[in-house]
Amino acid sequence: MIAKFTNYQELSAFGADKIIQLVQQKPDAVLCLAGGDTPALTYDRVVAKAQEAGVDFSGVIFIGLDEWVGIQPATPGSCYHFLQQKIFGPLHIQKDKIYFFDAMANDLKAECNRIDLAIEQHGGLDLALVGIGMNGHIGFNEPGVDAALNAHVVELDEVTTAVGQKYFTSGAALAKGITLGMTQIMSAREVVLVASGPKKAAIIREAIQGRITNTIPASLLMAHPRVSILLDAAAAAELD
C-alpha cells in the first residue's frame, strides 16, 4: 500500500494509529522502531494516544533497528537516546522489554547474535517502522547490502555519515553501524516505511518505481506482502 498524505502531520497521525491498533489487538506485540526526524511526530502521537485511550504498552517488546558504532547510548544523537526520549521514557517501558544494540561492546558480533536470538525467542517482528536514507538505506543496510544477512556490523556509506552529523551537536566519529539485516525486516509481519519532505522525493521514486535491487535497499520492501509506504505530498512529488 502506498498512502499519500497532504502533510507530515496527517502522515504521522496515520502511522501512530497503526501502532496503537496493533498494540490494542496484541498487547505483547514485538515492535522495531527506527530513529530519525521523520518518525518523531509519529512517536509523539503514539504517546499522546496511548495516554488518552489508556493503551497499555507494558507487555510490548521493543527491538532496536540500528545504532552508530562507538556512540554511547546516553549521547544525544544516538538511536537509543532518541527512542528513550520519544517512546521508552514517556511510556515507562521497562528495560527488560527493550533489546537494543550496545554499540560500545567489545564484541559486536556477540551483540548481533544477542539481538538475533531475542527476535527469534519472541517469535519475530510484528511491525517494523522504518525510514529511508538519502541513498535508499533501511536501518544501516547500505547500498549493495547482502539481503540474506541478519544483524550485522557495516561500514557506513559516506552519504550516511554526512547526513548523520545533523543528529549530533558536535562532530561525531561515524564510520560503522550495527543493524538488523534485511532478512529480519522482510520477515516482519508488517513493515511501515515513512518518508517526508522534498529531499526524499527522488529516492522514493527510485525505490518504488525502479527495479528491485540491493543497490537501493528500500526497493526490496516492494516485495513484502504487507508493506505500507506513508508519504507526505513533498516526498511523493516525483511519483508518476
Protein backbone atom coordinates (compact mmCIF):
# COMPACT_ATOMS: atom_id res chain seq x y z
CA MET A 1 0.00 0.00 0.00
CA ILE A 2 1.22 3.46 -0.91
CA ALA A 3 -0.61 6.16 1.04
CA LYS A 4 -0.11 9.84 0.19
CA PHE A 5 -0.98 12.47 2.77
CA THR A 6 -1.41 16.20 2.42
CA ASN A 7 1.18 16.92 5.07
CA TYR A 8 3.57 15.50 7.64
CA GLN A 9 1.02 15.83 10.44
CA GLU A 10 -1.53 13.61 8.67
CA LEU A 11 1.16 11.05 7.83
CA SER A 12 2.28 10.94 11.46
CA ALA A 13 -1.26 10.53 12.78
CA PHE A 14 -1.85 7.58 10.43
CA GLY A 15 1.43 5.93 11.42
CA ALA A 16 0.63 6.35 15.10
CA ASP A 17 -2.81 4.80 14.62
CA LYS A 18 -1.20 1.70 13.08
CA ILE A 19 0.99 1.19 16.14
CA ILE A 20 -1.82 1.87 18.59
CA GLN A 21 -4.20 -0.51 16.81
CA LEU A 22 -1.59 -3.29 16.77
CA VAL A 23 -0.90 -2.96 20.50
CA GLN A 24 -4.63 -2.93 21.25
CA GLN A 25 -5.01 -6.15 19.26
CA LYS A 26 -1.80 -7.75 20.51
CA PRO A 27 -0.60 -6.36 23.85
CA ASP A 28 2.65 -8.38 23.63
CA ALA A 29 3.49 -7.18 20.12
CA VAL A 30 7.13 -7.07 19.02
CA LEU A 31 7.93 -3.66 17.58
CA CYS A 32 11.03 -2.45 15.76
CA LEU A 33 11.07 1.34 15.58
CA ALA A 34 13.52 3.50 13.66
CA GLY A 35 15.07 6.67 14.98
CA GLY A 36 15.32 9.84 12.92
CA ASP A 37 13.46 13.02 12.10
CA THR A 38 10.60 11.54 10.07
CA PRO A 39 9.07 9.20 12.69
CA ALA A 40 9.50 11.72 15.54
CA LEU A 41 5.96 13.12 15.35
CA THR A 42 4.53 9.63 14.88
CA TYR A 43 6.01 8.67 18.25
CA ASP A 44 4.70 11.84 19.89
CA ARG A 45 1.24 10.89 18.63
CA VAL A 46 1.64 7.32 19.85
CA VAL A 47 2.41 8.56 23.36
CA ALA A 48 -0.50 11.02 23.33
CA LYS A 49 -2.97 8.44 22.00
CA ALA A 50 -1.77 5.78 24.44
CA GLN A 51 -2.26 8.16 27.35
CA GLU A 52 -5.64 9.42 26.14
CA ALA A 53 -7.06 5.96 25.41
CA GLY A 54 -5.32 4.10 28.23
CA VAL A 55 -3.48 1.76 25.84
CA ASP A 56 -1.14 -0.47 27.85
CA PHE A 57 2.36 -0.82 26.35
CA SER A 58 3.79 -2.70 29.33
CA GLY A 59 3.78 -6.05 27.50
CA VAL A 60 5.26 -4.78 24.24
CA ILE A 61 8.74 -5.93 23.24
CA PHE A 62 10.94 -3.33 21.55
CA ILE A 63 13.78 -4.35 19.24
CA GLY A 64 16.33 -1.74 18.19
CA LEU A 65 16.75 -1.27 14.46
CA ASP A 66 20.29 0.11 14.41
CA GLU A 67 22.93 2.13 16.22
CA TRP A 68 26.08 4.12 15.48
CA VAL A 69 29.10 2.05 16.50
CA GLY A 70 31.19 3.79 19.15
CA ILE A 71 28.44 6.13 20.33
CA GLN A 72 27.33 5.89 23.95
CA PRO A 73 23.61 5.12 24.35
CA ALA A 74 23.13 8.19 26.57
CA THR A 75 24.63 10.50 23.93
CA PRO A 76 22.07 12.83 22.31
CA GLY A 77 22.07 11.72 18.68
CA SER A 78 22.30 8.01 19.40
CA CYS A 79 19.37 5.92 18.21
CA TYR A 80 18.79 4.64 21.74
CA HIS A 81 18.71 8.15 23.20
CA PHE A 82 16.17 9.24 20.60
CA LEU A 83 13.80 6.37 21.39
CA GLN A 84 14.34 6.77 25.12
CA GLN A 85 13.21 10.38 24.82
CA LYS A 86 10.33 9.69 22.45
CA ILE A 87 8.94 6.28 23.45
CA PHE A 88 10.65 4.37 26.24
CA GLY A 89 10.62 7.17 28.81
CA PRO A 90 7.16 8.65 28.14
CA LEU A 91 5.51 5.20 28.04
CA HIS A 92 7.50 3.94 31.07
CA ILE A 93 8.86 0.92 29.21
CA GLN A 94 10.82 -1.40 31.49
CA LYS A 95 14.38 -2.22 30.50
CA ASP A 96 13.66 -5.94 30.26
CA LYS A 97 11.28 -5.19 27.36
CA ILE A 98 13.95 -3.37 25.33
CA TYR A 99 16.51 -5.21 23.19
CA PHE A 100 18.89 -2.65 21.74
CA PHE A 101 22.37 -2.96 20.28
CA ASP A 102 25.18 -1.97 22.63
CA ALA A 103 27.35 -0.20 20.09
CA MET A 104 30.10 0.24 22.69
CA ALA A 105 30.50 -3.51 23.22
CA ASN A 106 33.93 -5.08 22.69
CA ASP A 107 32.33 -7.99 20.83
CA LEU A 108 29.91 -6.58 18.27
CA LYS A 109 29.39 -9.99 16.71
CA ALA A 110 28.08 -11.21 20.06
CA GLU A 111 25.75 -8.20 20.11
CA CYS A 112 24.40 -9.21 16.71
CA ASN A 113 23.86 -12.75 17.96
CA ARG A 114 22.09 -11.47 21.08
CA ILE A 115 19.62 -9.41 19.07
CA ASP A 116 19.11 -12.21 16.53
CA LEU A 117 18.25 -14.53 19.42
CA ALA A 118 15.89 -12.01 21.02
CA ILE A 119 13.91 -11.70 17.79
CA GLU A 120 13.77 -15.47 17.43
CA GLN A 121 12.74 -16.05 21.04
CA HIS A 122 9.90 -13.53 20.79
CA GLY A 123 8.54 -15.02 17.57
CA GLY A 124 9.74 -12.43 15.08
CA LEU A 125 8.80 -8.81 14.48
CA ASP A 126 5.12 -7.93 14.32
CA LEU A 127 5.78 -4.48 12.91
CA ALA A 128 8.89 -2.68 11.72
CA LEU A 129 8.57 1.06 11.23
CA VAL A 130 11.48 2.33 9.16
CA GLY A 131 12.63 5.44 7.37
CA ILE A 132 14.59 5.69 4.14
CA GLY A 133 18.05 7.16 3.80
CA MET A 134 19.07 9.57 1.09
CA ASN A 135 20.92 6.66 -0.54
CA GLY A 136 17.98 4.28 -0.10
CA HIS A 137 19.26 2.55 3.01
CA ILE A 138 16.93 0.88 5.52
CA GLY A 139 18.35 0.89 9.02
CA PHE A 140 22.07 0.71 8.25
CA ASN A 141 21.55 -1.69 5.36
CA GLU A 142 23.57 0.34 2.89
CA PRO A 143 23.59 0.14 -0.93
CA GLY A 144 24.94 -3.23 -2.06
CA VAL A 145 23.97 -4.99 1.18
CA ASP A 146 23.70 -8.76 1.20
CA ALA A 147 19.93 -9.09 1.62
CA ALA A 148 20.36 -12.52 3.27
CA LEU A 149 22.08 -11.11 6.38
CA ASN A 150 20.64 -10.99 9.86
CA ALA A 151 22.05 -8.46 12.34
CA HIS A 152 25.50 -7.30 11.28
CA VAL A 153 28.13 -4.59 11.51
CA VAL A 154 28.59 -2.40 8.46
CA GLU A 155 30.99 0.20 7.11
CA LEU A 156 28.73 3.20 6.64
CA ASP A 157 28.28 4.86 3.27
CA GLU A 158 29.68 8.40 3.07
CA VAL A 159 26.17 9.74 2.43
CA THR A 160 25.01 8.20 5.71
CA THR A 161 27.92 9.56 7.74
CA ALA A 162 27.48 13.05 6.27
CA VAL A 163 23.72 13.17 6.88
CA GLY A 164 24.15 11.57 10.31
CA GLN A 165 26.08 14.55 11.65
CA LYS A 166 22.81 16.50 11.93
CA TYR A 167 21.85 14.41 14.95
CA PHE A 168 24.90 15.47 16.95
CA THR A 169 25.69 18.88 18.42
CA SER A 170 29.40 18.49 17.67
CA GLY A 171 31.23 16.39 15.10
CA ALA A 172 30.82 12.69 15.83
CA ALA A 173 33.12 9.96 14.56
CA LEU A 174 30.67 7.97 12.45
CA ALA A 175 32.28 5.17 10.47
CA LYS A 176 30.44 1.96 11.33
CA GLY A 177 26.91 0.96 12.18
CA ILE A 178 25.27 -2.10 13.68
CA THR A 179 21.89 -3.01 12.29
CA LEU A 180 19.18 -5.58 11.81
CA GLY A 181 19.51 -7.24 8.43
CA MET A 182 17.08 -7.07 5.54
CA THR A 183 16.16 -10.70 6.22
CA GLN A 184 14.76 -9.73 9.61
CA ILE A 185 12.99 -6.63 8.31
CA MET A 186 11.49 -8.57 5.40
CA SER A 187 10.36 -11.27 7.84
CA ALA A 188 8.35 -8.77 9.91
CA ARG A 189 4.64 -9.45 9.66
CA GLU A 190 4.12 -5.81 8.66
CA VAL A 191 6.51 -3.08 7.52
CA VAL A 192 5.69 0.63 7.57
CA LEU A 193 8.03 2.96 5.69
CA VAL A 194 7.65 6.68 6.38
CA ALA A 195 9.13 9.47 4.28
CA SER A 196 8.55 13.20 4.31
CA GLY A 197 9.91 16.32 2.69
CA PRO A 198 11.19 17.21 -0.77
CA LYS A 199 14.70 15.81 -0.14
CA LYS A 200 13.27 12.28 -0.10
CA ALA A 201 11.26 12.62 -3.33
CA ALA A 202 13.96 11.35 -5.73
CA ILE A 203 14.95 8.30 -3.69
CA ILE A 204 11.29 7.44 -3.06
CA ARG A 205 10.72 7.45 -6.81
CA GLU A 206 13.70 5.14 -7.34
CA ALA A 207 12.67 2.77 -4.55
CA ILE A 208 9.04 2.48 -5.63
CA GLN A 209 9.16 2.80 -9.40
CA GLY A 210 12.64 1.47 -10.17
CA ARG A 211 13.69 -2.14 -10.23
CA ILE A 212 14.04 -4.13 -7.03
CA THR A 213 17.76 -4.21 -6.26
CA ASN A 214 20.08 -4.27 -3.26
CA THR A 215 21.74 -1.11 -4.60
CA ILE A 216 18.56 0.63 -3.36
CA PRO A 217 17.81 -1.43 -0.23
CA ALA A 218 14.41 0.24 0.26
CA SER A 219 13.30 -1.17 -3.08
CA LEU A 220 13.48 -4.66 -1.55
CA LEU A 221 10.44 -3.75 0.55
CA MET A 222 8.34 -3.68 -2.63
CA ALA A 223 8.38 -7.49 -2.45
CA HIS A 224 6.99 -7.54 1.10
CA PRO A 225 3.42 -8.87 1.29
CA ARG A 226 2.32 -6.30 3.89
CA VAL A 227 4.24 -3.07 3.37
CA SER A 228 2.68 0.35 3.87
CA ILE A 229 4.55 3.33 2.43
CA LEU A 230 3.42 6.56 4.04
CA LEU A 231 4.39 9.73 2.17
CA ASP A 232 3.58 13.38 2.57
CA ALA A 233 2.94 15.41 -0.57
CA ALA A 234 6.53 16.61 -0.83
CA ALA A 235 8.04 13.11 -0.59
CA ALA A 236 5.55 11.81 -3.15
CA ALA A 237 6.08 14.69 -5.58
CA GLU A 238 8.16 12.75 -8.15
CA LEU A 239 5.93 9.65 -8.34
CA ASP A 240 4.02 9.07 -11.53
